[in-house]
Amino acid sequence: MTGVVTGFSIILTVVLAGVVLAATGVIPREGARYLSKTAYAVASPSLLFLTMAHGDPSVLASTAALVALLSALVSASVFVVLSLLFFRRPLAETTIGVTASSYANAANIGLPVATYVVGDTSAAAPLIMLQLVVLAPAVTAALELGVRGRLDVWGILTVPVRNPLVLGTVAGVIVSVTGVSVPAVVSGPLELLGGAAVPLMLMAFGITLWGRRPLAGADLPPVLTATAVKVLFMPLVAWAVGGLLLNLEGPELFSVIAMAALPTAQNVQTYAIWFGRGENIARDVALLTTLGCMPVLMLISTVFT
């Protein structure tokens, strides 16, 4: 439990550093975009490459990956049912709500949580790969259909291979499977870049928190529903699938539940902005789930560690 508290303290301290940077004007709120892009395009792929190159690639086809998939599918299905019964929205807005309730922030928050709370960076890898390879194309297809009434099949199919996180992870898996030795001239810079991933992501998140008015113009029914499904229901599904169906125990069970409790990914807002639908839903759910996930993760840590 002490390690968990220490892990959260580290995460919150770096997030607070980002808030201070924004509050004092050292970095404007727009600067978070560049920190996030740097982490996304360079630092995080380096970290994932080294993690998978030095780890066990079987984690990508493990029970943790199965738990992540089933948790996402069940949570998304619950949101769809509640939406149809109580607050029908057009297909595109419903897709954003479904995604917000099931698409976790596996990179920006998941990697720090996996590193400092779970104690294993590779714990986030199955979730990242699942979302980028399976869920992202599905979300893109639904939004294409809802907004444009047609599908760009080639664009949808190539979503995974155009993502630096997928490329970094796959490259690391290839190195691990083949047993290729990475020369120091390559691994040295990658270790330096990978070490910057977590601080960059956490500071960028802290910067975005400053000066933000929560729930301004919110579409409350889908926002509150997606928030509750993501932060409260999805971890329960992960516990039921992992603990009751797959008989996971100890650190392995804690890991899959903690990953399920992660907040909504910023990617959802990116989709909303790109397609011009559900922007307020994506923004507000991301904020509420990020604020709500900390006490939920602390509770999970208390119960399962």
C-alpha atoms as a PDB file:
ATOM      1  CA  MET A   1       0.000   0.000   0.000  1.00  0.00           C
ATOM      2  CA  THR A   2       2.911   2.345   0.747  1.00  0.00           C
ATOM      3  CA  GLY A   3       4.165   1.895  -2.812  1.00  0.00           C
ATOM      4  CA  VAL A   4       0.733   2.777  -4.183  1.00  0.00           C
ATOM      5  CA  VAL A   5       0.539   5.963  -2.112  1.00  0.00           C
ATOM      6  CA  THR A   6       4.063   6.879  -3.194  1.00  0.00           C
ATOM      7  CA  GLY A   7       3.118   6.266  -6.813  1.00  0.00           C
ATOM      8  CA  PHE A   8       0.077   8.537  -6.629  1.00  0.00           C
ATOM      9  CA  SER A   9       2.127  11.183  -4.839  1.00  0.00           C
ATOM     10  CA  ILE A  10       4.656  11.187  -7.668  1.00  0.00           C
ATOM     11  CA  ILE A  11       1.927  11.446 -10.307  1.00  0.00           C
ATOM     12  CA  LEU A  12       0.041  14.230  -8.521  1.00  0.00           C
ATOM     13  CA  THR A  13       3.228  16.198  -7.872  1.00  0.00           C
ATOM     14  CA  VAL A  14       4.157  16.245 -11.551  1.00  0.00           C
ATOM     15  CA  VAL A  15       0.555  17.128 -12.514  1.00  0.00           C
ATOM     16  CA  LEU A  16       0.677  19.969  -9.989  1.00  0.00           C
ATOM     17  CA  ALA A  17       3.902  21.173 -11.602  1.00  0.00           C
ATOM     18  CA  GLY A  18       1.960  21.501 -14.847  1.00  0.00           C
ATOM     19  CA  VAL A  19      -0.793  23.463 -13.112  1.00  0.00           C
ATOM     20  CA  VAL A  20       1.788  25.837 -11.639  1.00  0.00           C
ATOM     21  CA  LEU A  21       3.456  26.308 -15.026  1.00  0.00           C
ATOM     22  CA  ALA A  22       0.103  27.329 -16.506  1.00  0.00           C
ATOM     23  CA  ALA A  23      -0.949  29.474 -13.540  1.00  0.00           C
ATOM     24  CA  THR A  24       2.292  31.457 -13.581  1.00  0.00           C
ATOM     25  CA  GLY A  25       2.251  31.902 -17.340  1.00  0.00           C
ATOM     26  CA  VAL A  26       5.511  30.041 -17.902  1.00  0.00           C
ATOM     27  CA  ILE A  27       3.673  27.779 -20.344  1.00  0.00           C
ATOM     28  CA  PRO A  28       0.262  28.840 -21.759  1.00  0.00           C
ATOM     29  CA  ARG A  29      -2.579  26.343 -21.927  1.00  0.00           C
ATOM     30  CA  GLU A  30      -1.946  25.936 -25.652  1.00  0.00           C
ATOM     31  CA  GLY A  31       1.531  24.681 -24.768  1.00  0.00           C
ATOM     32  CA  ALA A  32       0.024  21.466 -23.431  1.00  0.00           C
ATOM     33  CA  ARG A  33      -0.747  20.500 -27.022  1.00  0.00           C
ATOM     34  CA  TYR A  34       2.944  20.544 -27.912  1.00  0.00           C
ATOM     35  CA  LEU A  35       4.032  18.649 -24.812  1.00  0.00           C
ATOM     36  CA  SER A  36       1.390  16.017 -25.541  1.00  0.00           C
ATOM     37  CA  LYS A  37       2.380  15.773 -29.202  1.00  0.00           C
ATOM     38  CA  THR A  38       6.040  15.351 -28.246  1.00  0.00           C
ATOM     39  CA  ALA A  39       5.156  12.593 -25.793  1.00  0.00           C
ATOM     40  CA  TYR A  40       2.782  10.952 -28.258  1.00  0.00           C
ATOM     41  CA  ALA A  41       5.021  11.026 -31.325  1.00  0.00           C
ATOM     42  CA  VAL A  42       8.493  10.485 -29.828  1.00  0.00           C
ATOM     43  CA  ALA A  43       8.791   9.809 -26.089  1.00  0.00           C
ATOM     44  CA  SER A  44       5.967   7.281 -25.569  1.00  0.00           C
ATOM     45  CA  PRO A  45       6.862   5.146 -28.625  1.00  0.00           C
ATOM     46  CA  SER A  46      10.446   5.031 -27.309  1.00  0.00           C
ATOM     47  CA  LEU A  47       9.228   3.952 -23.863  1.00  0.00           C
ATOM     48  CA  LEU A  48       6.922   1.281 -25.313  1.00  0.00           C
ATOM     49  CA  PHE A  49       9.647   0.008 -27.633  1.00  0.00           C
ATOM     50  CA  LEU A  50      12.079  -0.492 -24.754  1.00  0.00           C
ATOM     51  CA  THR A  51       9.374  -1.957 -22.507  1.00  0.00           C
ATOM     52  CA  MET A  52       8.362  -4.586 -25.069  1.00  0.00           C
ATOM     53  CA  ALA A  53      11.938  -5.230 -26.281  1.00  0.00           C
ATOM     54  CA  HIS A  54      13.034  -6.097 -22.740  1.00  0.00           C
ATOM     55  CA  GLY A  55       9.762  -7.725 -21.670  1.00  0.00           C
ATOM     56  CA  ASP A  56       7.504 -10.616 -22.514  1.00  0.00           C
ATOM     57  CA  PRO A  57       5.580  -9.979 -25.757  1.00  0.00           C
ATOM     58  CA  SER A  58       2.934 -12.509 -24.718  1.00  0.00           C
ATOM     59  CA  VAL A  59       1.289  -9.747 -22.645  1.00  0.00           C
ATOM     60  CA  LEU A  60      -0.335  -8.536 -25.869  1.00  0.00           C
ATOM     61  CA  ALA A  61      -2.253 -11.834 -26.132  1.00  0.00           C
ATOM     62  CA  SER A  62      -2.703 -12.382 -22.404  1.00  0.00           C
ATOM     63  CA  THR A  63      -5.719 -12.643 -20.134  1.00  0.00           C
ATOM     64  CA  ALA A  64      -5.183  -8.949 -19.386  1.00  0.00           C
ATOM     65  CA  ALA A  65      -5.892  -8.163 -23.042  1.00  0.00           C
ATOM     66  CA  LEU A  66      -9.033 -10.315 -22.916  1.00  0.00           C
ATOM     67  CA  VAL A  67     -10.234  -8.554 -19.770  1.00  0.00           C
ATOM     68  CA  ALA A  68      -9.631  -5.174 -21.404  1.00  0.00           C
ATOM     69  CA  LEU A  69     -11.577  -6.171 -24.514  1.00  0.00           C
ATOM     70  CA  LEU A  70     -14.571  -7.600 -22.645  1.00  0.00           C
ATOM     71  CA  SER A  71     -14.659  -4.669 -20.206  1.00  0.00           C
ATOM     72  CA  ALA A  72     -14.720  -2.185 -23.083  1.00  0.00           C
ATOM     73  CA  LEU A  73     -17.408  -4.080 -25.000  1.00  0.00           C
ATOM     74  CA  VAL A  74     -19.689  -4.514 -21.985  1.00  0.00           C
ATOM     75  CA  SER A  75     -19.295  -0.872 -20.906  1.00  0.00           C
ATOM     76  CA  ALA A  76     -19.969   0.385 -24.431  1.00  0.00           C
ATOM     77  CA  SER A  77     -23.048  -1.837 -24.669  1.00  0.00           C
ATOM     78  CA  VAL A  78     -24.419  -0.522 -21.383  1.00  0.00           C
ATOM     79  CA  PHE A  79     -24.060   3.069 -22.577  1.00  0.00           C
ATOM     80  CA  VAL A  80     -25.836   2.238 -25.853  1.00  0.00           C
ATOM     81  CA  VAL A  81     -28.754   0.621 -24.009  1.00  0.00           C
ATOM     82  CA  LEU A  82     -29.123   3.536 -21.568  1.00  0.00           C
ATOM     83  CA  SER A  83     -28.892   5.995 -24.435  1.00  0.00           C
ATOM     84  CA  LEU A  84     -31.619   4.239 -26.411  1.00  0.00           C
ATOM     85  CA  LEU A  85     -33.882   4.088 -23.368  1.00  0.00           C
ATOM     86  CA  PHE A  86     -33.419   7.552 -21.849  1.00  0.00           C
ATOM     87  CA  PHE A  87     -31.596  10.092 -24.043  1.00  0.00           C
ATOM     88  CA  ARG A  88     -31.431   9.247 -27.720  1.00  0.00           C
ATOM     89  CA  ARG A  89     -28.832  11.183 -29.683  1.00  0.00           C
ATOM     90  CA  PRO A  90     -27.742  11.033 -33.361  1.00  0.00           C
ATOM     91  CA  LEU A  91     -25.295   8.278 -34.320  1.00  0.00           C
ATOM     92  CA  ALA A  92     -22.184  10.482 -34.222  1.00  0.00           C
ATOM     93  CA  GLU A  93     -22.940  11.936 -30.767  1.00  0.00           C
ATOM     94  CA  THR A  94     -23.861   8.475 -29.480  1.00  0.00           C
ATOM     95  CA  THR A  95     -20.554   7.147 -30.821  1.00  0.00           C
ATOM     96  CA  ILE A  96     -18.657   9.833 -28.903  1.00  0.00           C
ATOM     97  CA  GLY A  97     -20.567   8.917 -25.742  1.00  0.00           C
ATOM     98  CA  VAL A  98     -19.910   5.203 -26.269  1.00  0.00           C
ATOM     99  CA  THR A  99     -16.222   5.870 -26.835  1.00  0.00           C
ATOM    100  CA  ALA A 100     -15.979   8.160 -23.806  1.00  0.00           C
ATOM    101  CA  SER A 101     -17.465   5.429 -21.615  1.00  0.00           C
ATOM    102  CA  SER A 102     -15.090   2.685 -22.768  1.00  0.00           C
ATOM    103  CA  TYR A 103     -11.905   4.180 -24.279  1.00  0.00           C
ATOM    104  CA  ALA A 104      -9.326   4.602 -21.496  1.00  0.00           C
ATOM    105  CA  ASN A 105      -6.471   7.075 -21.296  1.00  0.00           C
ATOM    106  CA  ALA A 106      -3.945   4.253 -21.538  1.00  0.00           C
ATOM    107  CA  ALA A 107      -1.061   6.447 -22.692  1.00  0.00           C
ATOM    108  CA  ASN A 108      -1.224   9.811 -20.888  1.00  0.00           C
ATOM    109  CA  ILE A 109      -2.459   8.449 -17.542  1.00  0.00           C
ATOM    110  CA  GLY A 110      -2.185   4.686 -18.064  1.00  0.00           C
ATOM    111  CA  LEU A 111       1.595   4.602 -18.500  1.00  0.00           C
ATOM    112  CA  PRO A 112       2.253   6.644 -15.322  1.00  0.00           C
ATOM    113  CA  VAL A 113      -0.243   4.518 -13.350  1.00  0.00           C
ATOM    114  CA  ALA A 114       1.291   1.317 -14.725  1.00  0.00           C
ATOM    115  CA  THR A 115       4.783   2.570 -13.905  1.00  0.00           C
ATOM    116  CA  TYR A 116       4.281   3.984 -10.425  1.00  0.00           C
ATOM    117  CA  VAL A 117       1.117   2.335  -9.076  1.00  0.00           C
ATOM    118  CA  VAL A 118       0.986  -1.114 -10.671  1.00  0.00           C
ATOM    119  CA  GLY A 119       4.775  -1.301 -10.835  1.00  0.00           C
ATOM    120  CA  ASP A 120       4.935  -2.681 -14.385  1.00  0.00           C
ATOM    121  CA  THR A 121       4.963  -0.411 -17.437  1.00  0.00           C
ATOM    122  CA  SER A 122       3.995  -3.325 -19.679  1.00  0.00           C
ATOM    123  CA  ALA A 123       0.610  -3.502 -17.883  1.00  0.00           C
ATOM    124  CA  ALA A 124      -0.590  -0.690 -20.131  1.00  0.00           C
ATOM    125  CA  ALA A 125       0.619  -2.302 -23.364  1.00  0.00           C
ATOM    126  CA  PRO A 126      -2.339  -4.688 -23.954  1.00  0.00           C
ATOM    127  CA  LEU A 127      -4.829  -1.864 -23.422  1.00  0.00           C
ATOM    128  CA  ILE A 128      -2.946   0.520 -25.707  1.00  0.00           C
ATOM    129  CA  MET A 129      -2.698  -2.047 -28.503  1.00  0.00           C
ATOM    130  CA  LEU A 130      -6.342  -3.114 -28.143  1.00  0.00           C
ATOM    131  CA  GLN A 131      -7.592   0.445 -28.392  1.00  0.00           C
ATOM    132  CA  LEU A 132      -5.358   1.515 -31.250  1.00  0.00           C
ATOM    133  CA  VAL A 133      -5.650  -1.639 -33.357  1.00  0.00           C
ATOM    134  CA  VAL A 134      -9.290  -2.644 -32.703  1.00  0.00           C
ATOM    135  CA  LEU A 135     -11.311   0.156 -31.107  1.00  0.00           C
ATOM    136  CA  ALA A 136      -9.898   3.161 -32.987  1.00  0.00           C
ATOM    137  CA  PRO A 137     -10.849   1.831 -36.446  1.00  0.00           C
ATOM    138  CA  ALA A 138     -14.314   0.886 -35.155  1.00  0.00           C
ATOM    139  CA  VAL A 139     -14.852   4.376 -33.709  1.00  0.00           C
ATOM    140  CA  THR A 140     -13.624   6.007 -36.917  1.00  0.00           C
ATOM    141  CA  ALA A 141     -15.985   3.864 -38.991  1.00  0.00           C
ATOM    142  CA  ALA A 142     -19.012   4.755 -36.856  1.00  0.00           C
ATOM    143  CA  LEU A 143     -18.201   8.474 -36.975  1.00  0.00           C
ATOM    144  CA  GLU A 144     -17.608   8.370 -40.726  1.00  0.00           C
ATOM    145  CA  LEU A 145     -21.017   6.781 -41.167  1.00  0.00           C
ATOM    146  CA  GLY A 146     -22.767   9.124 -38.731  1.00  0.00           C
ATOM    147  CA  VAL A 147     -21.290  12.372 -40.081  1.00  0.00           C
ATOM    148  CA  ARG A 148     -20.627  11.700 -43.759  1.00  0.00           C
ATOM    149  CA  GLY A 149     -22.957   8.822 -44.444  1.00  0.00           C
ATOM    150  CA  ARG A 150     -20.141   6.800 -46.027  1.00  0.00           C
ATOM    151  CA  LEU A 151     -17.011   4.861 -45.065  1.00  0.00           C
ATOM    152  CA  ASP A 152     -13.394   5.516 -46.052  1.00  0.00           C
ATOM    153  CA  VAL A 153     -12.425   1.838 -45.853  1.00  0.00           C
ATOM    154  CA  TRP A 154      -8.735   2.279 -46.651  1.00  0.00           C
ATOM    155  CA  GLY A 155      -8.359   5.142 -44.170  1.00  0.00           C
ATOM    156  CA  ILE A 156     -10.039   3.093 -41.438  1.00  0.00           C
ATOM    157  CA  LEU A 157      -7.948  -0.024 -42.068  1.00  0.00           C
ATOM    158  CA  THR A 158      -4.688   1.924 -41.967  1.00  0.00           C
ATOM    159  CA  VAL A 159      -5.437   3.734 -38.682  1.00  0.00           C
ATOM    160  CA  PRO A 160      -3.261   1.341 -36.593  1.00  0.00           C
ATOM    161  CA  VAL A 161      -0.205   1.392 -38.861  1.00  0.00           C
ATOM    162  CA  ARG A 162      -0.176   5.196 -38.903  1.00  0.00           C
ATOM    163  CA  ASN A 163       0.031   5.410 -35.112  1.00  0.00           C
ATOM    164  CA  PRO A 164       3.496   5.873 -33.527  1.00  0.00           C
ATOM    165  CA  LEU A 165       2.455   4.050 -30.341  1.00  0.00           C
ATOM    166  CA  VAL A 166       1.541   0.947 -32.329  1.00  0.00           C
ATOM    167  CA  LEU A 167       4.732   1.165 -34.365  1.00  0.00           C
ATOM    168  CA  GLY A 168       6.890   1.485 -31.247  1.00  0.00           C
ATOM    169  CA  THR A 169       5.169  -1.430 -29.542  1.00  0.00           C
ATOM    170  CA  VAL A 170       5.341  -3.705 -32.597  1.00  0.00           C
ATOM    171  CA  ALA A 171       9.017  -2.873 -33.151  1.00  0.00           C
ATOM    172  CA  GLY A 172       9.745  -3.773 -29.526  1.00  0.00           C
ATOM    173  CA  VAL A 173       7.879  -7.074 -29.870  1.00  0.00           C
ATOM    174  CA  ILE A 174       9.890  -7.945 -32.996  1.00  0.00           C
ATOM    175  CA  VAL A 175      13.153  -7.270 -31.151  1.00  0.00           C
ATOM    176  CA  SER A 176      12.025  -9.386 -28.194  1.00  0.00           C
ATOM    177  CA  VAL A 177      10.864 -12.316 -30.327  1.00  0.00           C
ATOM    178  CA  THR A 178      13.887 -12.374 -32.616  1.00  0.00           C
ATOM    179  CA  GLY A 179      16.403 -11.825 -29.832  1.00  0.00           C
ATOM    180  CA  VAL A 180      18.121  -9.032 -31.752  1.00  0.00           C
ATOM    181  CA  SER A 181      20.515  -7.019 -29.622  1.00  0.00           C
ATOM    182  CA  VAL A 182      19.835  -3.290 -29.736  1.00  0.00           C
ATOM    183  CA  PRO A 183      23.173  -1.427 -29.931  1.00  0.00           C
ATOM    184  CA  ALA A 184      23.932   1.173 -27.281  1.00  0.00           C
ATOM    185  CA  VAL A 185      24.012   3.923 -29.885  1.00  0.00           C
ATOM    186  CA  VAL A 186      20.293   3.206 -30.458  1.00  0.00           C
ATOM    187  CA  SER A 187      19.123   2.161 -26.984  1.00  0.00           C
ATOM    188  CA  GLY A 188      20.838   5.115 -25.262  1.00  0.00           C
ATOM    189  CA  PRO A 189      18.871   7.862 -27.016  1.00  0.00           C
ATOM    190  CA  LEU A 190      15.667   5.804 -26.771  1.00  0.00           C
ATOM    191  CA  GLU A 191      16.104   5.449 -23.004  1.00  0.00           C
ATOM    192  CA  LEU A 192      16.609   9.199 -22.722  1.00  0.00           C
ATOM    193  CA  LEU A 193      13.523   9.935 -24.822  1.00  0.00           C
ATOM    194  CA  GLY A 194      11.437   7.243 -23.114  1.00  0.00           C
ATOM    195  CA  GLY A 195      12.310   8.667 -19.714  1.00  0.00           C
ATOM    196  CA  ALA A 196      10.694  11.947 -20.759  1.00  0.00           C
ATOM    197  CA  ALA A 197       7.363  10.347 -21.708  1.00  0.00           C
ATOM    198  CA  VAL A 198       5.690  10.199 -18.306  1.00  0.00           C
ATOM    199  CA  PRO A 199       6.746  13.693 -17.085  1.00  0.00           C
ATOM    200  CA  LEU A 200       5.697  15.279 -20.379  1.00  0.00           C
ATOM    201  CA  MET A 201       2.269  13.619 -20.328  1.00  0.00           C
ATOM    202  CA  LEU A 202       1.557  14.452 -16.694  1.00  0.00           C
ATOM    203  CA  MET A 203       2.687  18.076 -16.959  1.00  0.00           C
ATOM    204  CA  ALA A 204       0.644  18.528 -20.129  1.00  0.00           C
ATOM    205  CA  PHE A 205      -2.406  17.210 -18.309  1.00  0.00           C
ATOM    206  CA  GLY A 206      -1.792  19.597 -15.400  1.00  0.00           C
ATOM    207  CA  ILE A 207      -1.539  22.533 -17.784  1.00  0.00           C
ATOM    208  CA  THR A 208      -4.930  21.681 -19.338  1.00  0.00           C
ATOM    209  CA  LEU A 209      -6.580  21.730 -15.893  1.00  0.00           C
ATOM    210  CA  TRP A 210      -5.767  25.393 -15.270  1.00  0.00           C
ATOM    211  CA  GLY A 211      -8.500  27.918 -16.047  1.00  0.00           C
ATOM    212  CA  ARG A 212     -10.967  25.338 -17.278  1.00  0.00           C
ATOM    213  CA  ARG A 213     -14.664  25.762 -16.557  1.00  0.00           C
ATOM    214  CA  PRO A 214     -16.174  22.317 -16.008  1.00  0.00           C
ATOM    215  CA  LEU A 215     -19.553  21.445 -17.522  1.00  0.00           C
ATOM    216  CA  ALA A 216     -19.954  24.745 -19.371  1.00  0.00           C
ATOM    217  CA  GLY A 217     -22.781  24.063 -21.834  1.00  0.00           C
ATOM    218  CA  ALA A 218     -22.761  20.384 -20.890  1.00  0.00           C
ATOM    219  CA  ASP A 219     -25.117  17.790 -22.362  1.00  0.00           C
ATOM    220  CA  LEU A 220     -25.644  16.266 -18.916  1.00  0.00           C
ATOM    221  CA  PRO A 221     -27.466  12.962 -19.625  1.00  0.00           C
ATOM    222  CA  PRO A 222     -24.760  11.420 -21.836  1.00  0.00           C
ATOM    223  CA  VAL A 223     -21.945  13.133 -19.908  1.00  0.00           C
ATOM    224  CA  LEU A 224     -22.982  11.832 -16.490  1.00  0.00           C
ATOM    225  CA  THR A 225     -23.866   8.404 -17.861  1.00  0.00           C
ATOM    226  CA  ALA A 226     -20.553   7.978 -19.666  1.00  0.00           C
ATOM    227  CA  THR A 227     -18.673   9.197 -16.576  1.00  0.00           C
ATOM    228  CA  ALA A 228     -20.387   6.701 -14.282  1.00  0.00           C
ATOM    229  CA  VAL A 229     -19.929   3.828 -16.743  1.00  0.00           C
ATOM    230  CA  LYS A 230     -16.231   4.580 -17.279  1.00  0.00           C
ATOM    231  CA  VAL A 231     -15.109   5.243 -13.705  1.00  0.00           C
ATOM    232  CA  LEU A 232     -17.423   2.965 -11.719  1.00  0.00           C
ATOM    233  CA  PHE A 233     -18.944   0.280 -13.943  1.00  0.00           C
ATOM    234  CA  MET A 234     -15.960  -0.623 -16.124  1.00  0.00           C
ATOM    235  CA  PRO A 235     -13.693  -1.546 -13.153  1.00  0.00           C
ATOM    236  CA  LEU A 236     -16.503  -3.737 -11.802  1.00  0.00           C
ATOM    237  CA  VAL A 237     -16.713  -5.520 -15.152  1.00  0.00           C
ATOM    238  CA  ALA A 238     -12.946  -6.027 -15.117  1.00  0.00           C
ATOM    239  CA  TRP A 239     -13.175  -7.481 -11.606  1.00  0.00           C
ATOM    240  CA  ALA A 240     -16.009  -9.817 -12.623  1.00  0.00           C
ATOM    241  CA  VAL A 241     -14.280 -10.985 -15.806  1.00  0.00           C
ATOM    242  CA  GLY A 242     -10.789 -11.184 -14.351  1.00  0.00           C
ATOM    243  CA  GLY A 243     -11.542 -12.430 -10.876  1.00  0.00           C
ATOM    244  CA  LEU A 244     -14.683 -14.511 -11.272  1.00  0.00           C
ATOM    245  CA  LEU A 245     -14.402 -15.847 -14.835  1.00  0.00           C
ATOM    246  CA  LEU A 246     -10.655 -16.043 -15.423  1.00  0.00           C
ATOM    247  CA  ASN A 247      -9.595 -16.640 -11.803  1.00  0.00           C
ATOM    248  CA  LEU A 248      -6.953 -13.920 -11.758  1.00  0.00           C
ATOM    249  CA  GLU A 249      -5.536 -13.105  -8.341  1.00  0.00           C
ATOM    250  CA  GLY A 250      -3.109 -10.770  -6.610  1.00  0.00           C
ATOM    251  CA  PRO A 251      -1.101  -8.265  -8.646  1.00  0.00           C
ATOM    252  CA  GLU A 252      -2.489  -9.558 -11.951  1.00  0.00           C
ATOM    253  CA  LEU A 253      -6.091  -8.908 -10.885  1.00  0.00           C
ATOM    254  CA  PHE A 254      -5.165  -5.534  -9.400  1.00  0.00           C
ATOM    255  CA  SER A 255      -3.475  -4.578 -12.671  1.00  0.00           C
ATOM    256  CA  VAL A 256      -6.482  -5.277 -14.937  1.00  0.00           C
ATOM    257  CA  ILE A 257      -8.908  -3.522 -12.575  1.00  0.00           C
ATOM    258  CA  ALA A 258      -6.627  -0.489 -12.257  1.00  0.00           C
ATOM    259  CA  MET A 259      -6.299  -0.249 -16.035  1.00  0.00           C
ATOM    260  CA  ALA A 260     -10.095  -0.443 -16.388  1.00  0.00           C
ATOM    261  CA  ALA A 261     -10.495   2.443 -13.934  1.00  0.00           C
ATOM    262  CA  LEU A 262      -8.399   4.825 -16.029  1.00  0.00           C
ATOM    263  CA  PRO A 263     -10.175   7.993 -17.180  1.00  0.00           C
ATOM    264  CA  THR A 264     -11.479   8.662 -20.666  1.00  0.00           C
ATOM    265  CA  ALA A 265      -8.728   9.179 -23.240  1.00  0.00           C
ATOM    266  CA  GLN A 266      -8.015  12.588 -24.747  1.00  0.00           C
ATOM    267  CA  ASN A 267      -8.227  10.792 -28.115  1.00  0.00           C
ATOM    268  CA  VAL A 268     -12.006  10.904 -27.770  1.00  0.00           C
ATOM    269  CA  GLN A 269     -11.935  14.689 -27.836  1.00  0.00           C
ATOM    270  CA  THR A 270      -9.633  14.527 -30.845  1.00  0.00           C
ATOM    271  CA  TYR A 271     -12.219  12.408 -32.673  1.00  0.00           C
ATOM    272  CA  ALA A 272     -14.993  14.798 -31.637  1.00  0.00           C
ATOM    273  CA  ILE A 273     -13.110  17.863 -32.865  1.00  0.00           C
ATOM    274  CA  TRP A 274     -12.077  16.165 -36.124  1.00  0.00           C
ATOM    275  CA  PHE A 275     -15.625  15.111 -36.979  1.00  0.00           C
ATOM    276  CA  GLY A 276     -17.307  18.160 -35.411  1.00  0.00           C
ATOM    277  CA  ARG A 277     -19.693  16.145 -33.223  1.00  0.00           C
ATOM    278  CA  GLY A 278     -20.039  15.674 -29.464  1.00  0.00           C
ATOM    279  CA  GLU A 279     -17.161  17.963 -28.500  1.00  0.00           C
ATOM    280  CA  ASN A 280     -18.734  19.017 -25.190  1.00  0.00           C
ATOM    281  CA  ILE A 281     -19.492  15.395 -24.319  1.00  0.00           C
ATOM    282  CA  ALA A 282     -15.901  14.302 -24.946  1.00  0.00           C
ATOM    283  CA  ARG A 283     -14.405  17.281 -23.087  1.00  0.00           C
ATOM    284  CA  ASP A 284     -16.603  17.023 -20.001  1.00  0.00           C
ATOM    285  CA  VAL A 285     -16.394  13.240 -19.643  1.00  0.00           C
ATOM    286  CA  ALA A 286     -12.603  13.388 -19.952  1.00  0.00           C
ATOM    287  CA  LEU A 287     -12.441  16.004 -17.197  1.00  0.00           C
ATOM    288  CA  LEU A 288     -14.907  14.314 -14.823  1.00  0.00           C
ATOM    289  CA  THR A 289     -13.411  10.848 -15.238  1.00  0.00           C
ATOM    290  CA  THR A 290      -9.891  12.189 -14.717  1.00  0.00           C
ATOM    291  CA  LEU A 291     -10.920  13.852 -11.465  1.00  0.00           C
ATOM    292  CA  GLY A 292     -12.958  10.828 -10.393  1.00  0.00           C
ATOM    293  CA  CYS A 293     -10.438   8.123 -11.225  1.00  0.00           C
ATOM    294  CA  MET A 294      -7.979   9.055  -8.472  1.00  0.00           C
ATOM    295  CA  PRO A 295     -10.228   8.184  -5.502  1.00  0.00           C
ATOM    296  CA  VAL A 296     -11.471   5.093  -7.371  1.00  0.00           C
ATOM    297  CA  LEU A 297      -7.895   3.944  -8.003  1.00  0.00           C
ATOM    298  CA  MET A 298      -7.035   4.568  -4.368  1.00  0.00           C
ATOM    299  CA  LEU A 299     -10.013   2.418  -3.319  1.00  0.00           C
ATOM    300  CA  ILE A 300      -9.008  -0.335  -5.736  1.00  0.00           C
ATOM    301  CA  SER A 301      -5.458  -0.175  -4.373  1.00  0.00           C
ATOM    302  CA  THR A 302      -6.726  -0.497  -0.805  1.00  0.00           C
ATOM    303  CA  VAL A 303      -8.921  -3.486  -1.600  1.00  0.00           C
ATOM    304  CA  PHE A 304      -6.680  -5.440  -3.973  1.00  0.00           C
ATOM    305  CA  THR A 305      -3.154  -4.844  -2.667  1.00  0.00           C
END
